[in-house]
Amino acid sequence: MSEFLKLKAVSADISIGGSTIRKMVAKGEFPKPVTIGGCNRWVASEIAAWKEQQIAERDAANGQGGAE
């Protein structure tokens, strides 16, 4: 079972402000939250997968197969 995170926790985890995260969600550049009781929560495993994807894209752009 996956953990749900508040925007503040997601923001702290990826060091990006909440308003920027909301803009990224609107553009389809970041995982969408789920609504629980009228509150937005992000799925922790989806955030972890997004972070791994960012690293993979960076490495691919730099012609690297893995971590430095």
Foldseek 3Di string as FASTA:
>chain_A
DWDWAALVVLCVVVVHDSVVQVVCVVVVNADFFDADPNGTTHTPVRSVVSVVVVQCVVCVVVVHPDDD
